[in-house]
């Protein structure tokens, strides 16, 4: 192929990507502007923009953390985004998420086909999660489990998580392919590339633990400091402390936030390649294995 043809192909490709970016940004802005959790007060978290604590109460149903209790407000969140958070980090999120969706398009296609062949039903599902300042948003995920899997329940609380996995589910989860649709969440603005992993809407204990360290003030992320330091192997208090450490660096200064984001991004790539910290069933499965070892 001569230089003229290469230049023409590059021009066409660049124009196509530019047009795709413009169209996708318009769709993303429209979606964010019409977000039900922002516009409909009845859908909003009653703890939105509030400091919270977890109150144990045996009269409450068991939540997604396996504890009985509820959240109570003890103040108002006063966090104001730094220049880095509001502008630089957001710009990086848009650029990286767009590039990621383009480069990983073949992976998206293969995952969608594999899931559809494996089990009837939607390829991608939405799940209500905790957003920044304890708001709500719908996270997107590739489905790695059967349609009859209990909803709004962390994997570690399932009695036998493997029974719900699709044939391709273990590979999808091990390689973190199930999380790839969240690049759209990052592109829209409900998530960031780096940040605390979004908790389920009913993980009150985790939400309260994170609030101790100011980790609820920032956007949840596709990957975070806790994910590169154990992921499924970490207990909730340990996760919350690491999320707080990340939040503190982000709030300290633009330079501190940028350094932390670069570190977590590089460590995340290494962790995904090695599948570090991935345990089906999470801490619940680890505890079961420990109990079985004691009995034997």
Protein backbone atom coordinates (compact mmCIF):
# COMPACT_ATOMS: atom_id res chain seq x y z
CA UNK A 1 0.00 0.00 0.00
CA UNK A 2 1.48 3.34 -1.05
CA UNK A 3 1.62 6.47 1.07
CA UNK A 4 -1.37 8.07 -0.65
CA UNK A 5 -3.61 5.11 0.15
CA UNK A 6 -2.36 4.98 3.73
CA UNK A 7 -3.05 8.70 4.13
CA UNK A 8 -6.54 8.31 2.65
CA UNK A 9 -7.34 5.35 4.94
CA UNK A 10 -6.09 7.29 7.96
CA UNK A 11 -8.19 10.31 7.00
CA UNK A 12 -11.35 8.22 6.58
CA UNK A 13 -10.71 6.38 9.84
CA UNK A 14 -10.06 9.62 11.70
CA UNK A 15 -13.22 11.21 10.31
CA UNK A 16 -15.30 8.16 11.24
CA UNK A 17 -13.92 8.11 14.78
CA UNK A 18 -14.44 11.85 15.13
CA UNK A 19 -18.06 11.56 14.02
CA UNK A 20 -18.59 8.60 16.35
CA UNK A 21 -17.16 10.58 19.25
CA UNK A 22 -19.44 13.56 18.59
CA UNK A 23 -22.56 11.38 18.31
CA UNK A 24 -21.66 9.39 21.43
CA UNK A 25 -21.03 12.54 23.46
CA UNK A 26 -24.46 13.86 22.50
CA UNK A 27 -26.06 10.58 23.54
CA UNK A 28 -24.08 10.58 26.80
CA UNK A 29 -25.08 14.16 27.67
CA UNK A 30 -28.73 13.40 26.92
CA UNK A 31 -28.59 10.28 29.07
CA UNK A 32 -27.02 12.10 32.01
CA UNK A 33 -29.45 15.02 31.71
CA UNK A 34 -32.38 12.61 31.85
CA UNK A 35 -31.02 10.42 34.63
CA UNK A 36 -33.94 9.32 36.81
CA UNK A 37 -31.87 9.33 39.99
CA UNK A 38 -31.06 13.01 39.49
CA UNK A 39 -34.45 14.19 38.26
CA UNK A 40 -36.95 12.07 40.18
CA UNK A 41 -36.79 12.67 43.93
CA UNK A 42 -38.68 9.43 44.62
CA UNK A 43 -35.82 7.49 42.96
CA UNK A 44 -33.09 9.38 44.82
CA UNK A 45 -31.16 7.95 47.72
CA UNK A 46 -32.47 9.57 50.94
CA UNK A 47 -28.84 9.67 52.09
CA UNK A 48 -27.67 11.64 49.04
CA UNK A 49 -25.00 14.22 49.94
CA UNK A 50 -25.08 13.18 53.60
CA UNK A 51 -22.49 11.79 55.98
CA UNK A 52 -23.67 8.42 57.24
CA UNK A 53 -23.04 5.77 59.91
CA UNK A 54 -24.21 2.18 60.09
CA UNK A 55 -26.55 1.37 62.99
CA UNK A 56 -26.84 -2.34 63.81
CA UNK A 57 -30.43 -3.38 64.40
CA UNK A 58 -31.67 -6.97 64.69
CA UNK A 59 -35.12 -5.83 63.56
CA UNK A 60 -33.81 -4.86 60.12
CA UNK A 61 -33.58 -7.40 57.28
CA UNK A 62 -30.15 -8.77 56.35
CA UNK A 63 -28.55 -6.42 53.83
CA UNK A 64 -26.17 -7.20 50.96
CA UNK A 65 -23.22 -7.13 53.38
CA UNK A 66 -24.79 -9.89 55.47
CA UNK A 67 -25.53 -7.56 58.38
CA UNK A 68 -28.74 -6.38 60.03
CA UNK A 69 -28.91 -2.64 60.34
CA UNK A 70 -29.42 0.62 58.46
CA UNK A 71 -27.79 3.92 57.62
CA UNK A 72 -28.41 7.10 59.56
CA UNK A 73 -27.38 10.60 58.52
CA UNK A 74 -24.97 12.43 60.83
CA UNK A 75 -24.10 15.45 58.71
CA UNK A 76 -23.73 16.89 55.22
CA UNK A 77 -21.02 16.12 52.67
CA UNK A 78 -19.02 19.30 52.06
CA UNK A 79 -16.54 17.97 49.52
CA UNK A 80 -15.79 20.32 46.62
CA UNK A 81 -14.07 18.79 43.59
CA UNK A 82 -10.48 19.81 43.01
CA UNK A 83 -9.38 21.23 39.63
CA UNK A 84 -7.89 17.84 38.80
CA UNK A 85 -11.11 15.98 39.64
CA UNK A 86 -13.42 18.35 37.81
CA UNK A 87 -11.44 18.97 34.64
CA UNK A 88 -8.28 16.90 34.11
CA UNK A 89 -9.56 13.60 35.51
CA UNK A 90 -12.90 14.03 33.72
CA UNK A 91 -11.16 14.74 30.41
CA UNK A 92 -8.97 11.67 30.88
CA UNK A 93 -12.06 9.57 31.66
CA UNK A 94 -13.74 10.66 28.42
CA UNK A 95 -10.66 10.07 26.27
CA UNK A 96 -9.64 6.75 27.84
CA UNK A 97 -13.16 5.31 27.91
CA UNK A 98 -13.78 6.25 24.26
CA UNK A 99 -10.45 4.77 23.16
CA UNK A 100 -11.15 1.68 25.25
CA UNK A 101 -14.56 1.11 23.65
CA UNK A 102 -13.07 1.48 20.16
CA UNK A 103 -10.06 -0.78 20.74
CA UNK A 104 -12.09 -3.41 22.63
CA UNK A 105 -15.01 -3.49 20.18
CA UNK A 106 -14.03 -7.02 18.97
CA UNK A 107 -13.96 -8.23 22.60
CA UNK A 108 -17.41 -6.73 23.16
CA UNK A 109 -18.72 -8.57 20.09
CA UNK A 110 -17.19 -11.93 21.04
CA UNK A 111 -18.41 -11.67 24.64
CA UNK A 112 -21.93 -10.79 23.49
CA UNK A 113 -22.06 -13.75 21.10
CA UNK A 114 -20.68 -16.18 23.71
CA UNK A 115 -23.19 -15.06 26.36
CA UNK A 116 -26.13 -15.22 23.94
CA UNK A 117 -25.22 -18.74 22.85
CA UNK A 118 -24.71 -19.85 26.45
CA UNK A 119 -27.98 -18.60 27.96
CA UNK A 120 -31.06 -16.79 26.59
CA UNK A 121 -31.67 -13.30 27.88
CA UNK A 122 -29.98 -9.89 27.69
CA UNK A 123 -26.22 -9.73 27.17
CA UNK A 124 -25.82 -6.61 29.34
CA UNK A 125 -27.70 -5.93 32.57
CA UNK A 126 -28.13 -2.88 34.77
CA UNK A 127 -27.73 -2.89 38.53
CA UNK A 128 -28.40 -0.05 40.95
CA UNK A 129 -25.21 1.04 42.69
CA UNK A 130 -23.95 3.78 45.01
CA UNK A 131 -22.57 6.82 43.20
CA UNK A 132 -20.55 9.76 44.51
CA UNK A 133 -21.92 11.44 47.64
CA UNK A 134 -24.07 8.31 48.22
CA UNK A 135 -26.27 8.96 45.20
CA UNK A 136 -27.53 6.19 42.90
CA UNK A 137 -26.73 5.18 39.31
CA UNK A 138 -27.15 2.12 37.09
CA UNK A 139 -23.92 0.25 36.47
CA UNK A 140 -23.61 -1.78 33.25
CA UNK A 141 -22.12 -5.29 33.17
CA UNK A 142 -21.80 -8.20 30.79
CA UNK A 143 -23.87 -11.03 32.20
CA UNK A 144 -21.65 -13.83 33.51
CA UNK A 145 -24.37 -15.67 35.44
CA UNK A 146 -27.68 -17.32 34.60
CA UNK A 147 -30.93 -15.37 34.51
CA UNK A 148 -32.17 -17.12 37.68
CA UNK A 149 -29.27 -15.83 39.82
CA UNK A 150 -30.50 -13.88 42.91
CA UNK A 151 -30.30 -10.15 42.18
CA UNK A 152 -28.81 -7.45 44.42
CA UNK A 153 -26.73 -10.01 46.28
CA UNK A 154 -22.91 -9.96 46.35
CA UNK A 155 -21.26 -13.10 45.00
CA UNK A 156 -19.76 -13.95 48.39
CA UNK A 157 -23.26 -14.39 49.86
CA UNK A 158 -24.35 -17.00 47.33
CA UNK A 159 -24.30 -20.51 48.82
CA UNK A 160 -22.64 -21.95 45.71
CA UNK A 161 -21.68 -19.26 43.20
CA UNK A 162 -20.33 -21.74 40.64
CA UNK A 163 -23.79 -23.20 40.05
CA UNK A 164 -24.99 -19.89 38.63
CA UNK A 165 -22.03 -19.21 36.36
CA UNK A 166 -22.44 -19.48 32.61
CA UNK A 167 -20.01 -21.80 30.85
CA UNK A 168 -18.15 -18.70 29.70
CA UNK A 169 -18.82 -16.90 33.01
CA UNK A 170 -15.67 -17.93 34.84
CA UNK A 171 -13.44 -16.70 32.00
CA UNK A 172 -15.45 -13.49 31.67
CA UNK A 173 -15.05 -12.74 35.38
CA UNK A 174 -11.44 -13.91 35.65
CA UNK A 175 -10.40 -11.57 32.82
CA UNK A 176 -12.72 -8.78 34.12
CA UNK A 177 -14.54 -8.77 30.77
CA UNK A 178 -17.85 -8.43 32.64
CA UNK A 179 -16.79 -4.94 33.73
CA UNK A 180 -16.01 -3.61 30.23
CA UNK A 181 -19.49 -2.09 29.58
CA UNK A 182 -18.70 0.28 32.44
CA UNK A 183 -16.49 2.18 30.03
CA UNK A 184 -19.80 3.68 28.90
CA UNK A 185 -20.55 4.66 32.52
CA UNK A 186 -17.16 6.41 32.54
CA UNK A 187 -17.87 8.09 29.20
CA UNK A 188 -21.25 9.34 30.43
CA UNK A 189 -19.84 10.60 33.73
CA UNK A 190 -21.48 8.38 36.36
CA UNK A 191 -18.13 6.64 36.94
CA UNK A 192 -14.43 7.30 36.59
CA UNK A 193 -11.72 4.99 35.23
CA UNK A 194 -10.07 5.02 38.68
CA UNK A 195 -12.02 5.14 41.95
CA UNK A 196 -13.66 2.95 44.61
CA UNK A 197 -15.63 0.09 43.07
CA UNK A 198 -19.35 1.01 43.22
CA UNK A 199 -21.20 -0.67 46.08
CA UNK A 200 -24.61 -2.25 45.65
CA UNK A 201 -27.41 0.12 46.69
CA UNK A 202 -28.09 -2.05 49.77
CA UNK A 203 -24.50 -2.50 50.96
CA UNK A 204 -25.08 -0.15 53.89
CA UNK A 205 -22.17 -1.41 55.96
CA UNK A 206 -19.64 -0.89 53.15
CA UNK A 207 -21.11 2.55 52.43
CA UNK A 208 -20.74 3.57 56.09
CA UNK A 209 -17.20 2.19 56.34
CA UNK A 210 -16.17 4.16 53.27
CA UNK A 211 -17.75 7.29 54.68
CA UNK A 212 -15.38 7.12 57.67
CA UNK A 213 -12.55 7.91 55.26
CA UNK A 214 -14.37 10.27 52.89
CA UNK A 215 -14.38 7.72 50.06
CA UNK A 216 -18.07 8.32 49.27
CA UNK A 217 -17.27 11.89 48.17
CA UNK A 218 -15.68 10.80 44.90
CA UNK A 219 -16.91 8.99 41.82
CA UNK A 220 -16.81 5.19 41.84
CA UNK A 221 -14.35 3.66 39.42
CA UNK A 222 -13.78 0.85 36.96
CA UNK A 223 -10.78 -0.11 39.06
CA UNK A 224 -9.35 1.20 42.30
CA UNK A 225 -6.69 0.90 44.98
CA UNK A 226 -8.55 -1.94 46.71
CA UNK A 227 -8.72 -3.90 43.44
CA UNK A 228 -4.93 -3.92 43.10
CA UNK A 229 -4.44 -4.91 46.74
CA UNK A 230 -6.53 -8.02 46.99
CA UNK A 231 -9.89 -7.42 45.30
CA UNK A 232 -12.17 -10.35 46.32
CA UNK A 233 -9.79 -11.40 49.10
CA UNK A 234 -10.27 -8.23 51.16
CA UNK A 235 -12.71 -7.77 54.03
CA UNK A 236 -14.98 -4.71 53.94
CA UNK A 237 -13.07 -2.62 56.53
CA UNK A 238 -9.82 -3.22 54.63
CA UNK A 239 -11.41 -2.24 51.31
CA UNK A 240 -12.84 0.91 52.86
CA UNK A 241 -9.43 1.99 54.24
CA UNK A 242 -7.79 1.57 50.84
CA UNK A 243 -10.61 3.48 49.16
CA UNK A 244 -10.11 6.20 51.77
CA UNK A 245 -6.38 6.30 51.05
CA UNK A 246 -7.14 6.84 47.37
CA UNK A 247 -9.74 9.54 48.14
CA UNK A 248 -7.29 11.37 50.41
CA UNK A 249 -4.67 11.47 47.64
CA UNK A 250 -7.24 12.74 45.16
CA UNK A 251 -8.39 15.52 47.48
CA UNK A 252 -4.89 16.58 48.54
CA UNK A 253 -3.75 18.17 45.28
CA UNK A 254 -3.88 17.77 41.51
CA UNK A 255 -0.34 16.36 41.42
CA UNK A 256 -1.09 13.89 44.21
CA UNK A 257 -4.27 12.76 42.45
CA UNK A 258 -2.54 12.32 39.09
CA UNK A 259 0.30 10.28 40.62
CA UNK A 260 -2.17 8.01 42.42
CA UNK A 261 -4.25 7.50 39.27
CA UNK A 262 -1.19 6.56 37.22
CA UNK A 263 -0.05 4.12 39.91
CA UNK A 264 -3.46 2.44 40.20
CA UNK A 265 -3.88 2.27 36.41
CA UNK A 266 -0.51 0.54 35.91
CA UNK A 267 -1.07 -1.82 38.85
CA UNK A 268 -4.56 -2.65 37.55
CA UNK A 269 -3.20 -3.72 34.17
CA UNK A 270 -0.73 -6.00 35.94
CA UNK A 271 -3.45 -7.42 38.21
CA UNK A 272 -5.80 -8.18 35.29
CA UNK A 273 -3.04 -9.91 33.33
CA UNK A 274 -2.25 -12.10 36.35
CA UNK A 275 -5.91 -12.38 37.54
CA UNK A 276 -4.73 -11.35 41.01
CA UNK A 277 -7.27 -11.42 43.82
CA UNK A 278 -10.07 -13.04 41.78
CA UNK A 279 -11.93 -15.52 43.99
CA UNK A 280 -15.35 -16.79 42.95
CA UNK A 281 -17.57 -16.19 45.96
CA UNK A 282 -15.18 -13.59 47.36
CA UNK A 283 -14.50 -13.50 51.10
CA UNK A 284 -17.49 -15.76 51.73
CA UNK A 285 -15.89 -18.56 49.71
CA UNK A 286 -12.53 -17.99 51.42
CA UNK A 287 -14.17 -18.35 54.85
CA UNK A 288 -15.91 -21.57 53.75
CA UNK A 289 -12.61 -23.03 52.59
CA UNK A 290 -10.98 -22.08 55.91
CA UNK A 291 -13.82 -23.75 57.86
CA UNK A 292 -13.56 -26.90 55.73
CA UNK A 293 -9.82 -27.05 56.38
CA UNK A 294 -10.42 -26.79 60.14
CA UNK A 295 -12.97 -29.61 60.05
CA UNK A 296 -10.72 -31.87 57.98
